[in-house]
Amino acid sequence: MIMQAGYVPSRFRYSYTVPIPKLKDCRVKSMSCDDFRCIAISPILSKVFEYCLLDRYDNFLPSSDVQFGFKKGLGCRNTIYRVRNIVDHFVELKSTVSICALDLTKAFDKVNHHAMFMKLMK
């Protein structure tokens, strides 16, 4: 019905944000805003709509063959295998190989959580 009407309910853009403690044992030390990770809980109908869209238009939303994250059945071992093959190829050609690796696991932890909570409360 949403597709036929061309109208998405405005409540679909809202979610409920829940702070989840990063620490395994919260009782050991006093906690600050930096000790929480937020998850957003969306309305169930918006999630159903999202899955319907993905099911219908998945063929039009391809991802790159060199993307390994956030893909079903792929992960770190696939990335390591791919990098190893590329390095081996250049080593066989007697070429120098330079690799730069970035650990982005903390990239999303750089958000000022206190400021984010204040904005969410407003």
Foldseek 3Di string as FASTA:
>chain_A
DCVVVVDDDPLQVDWDKDWDFQDPDCVPDPDDLLRTDIDTHGPPVSVVVVVVCCVVCVVVDDDDPQDFPPDPPGDDVVNVVVVVVVVVVQVVVVHDDDDDDDDCPCVVSPDPRVVVVVVVVD
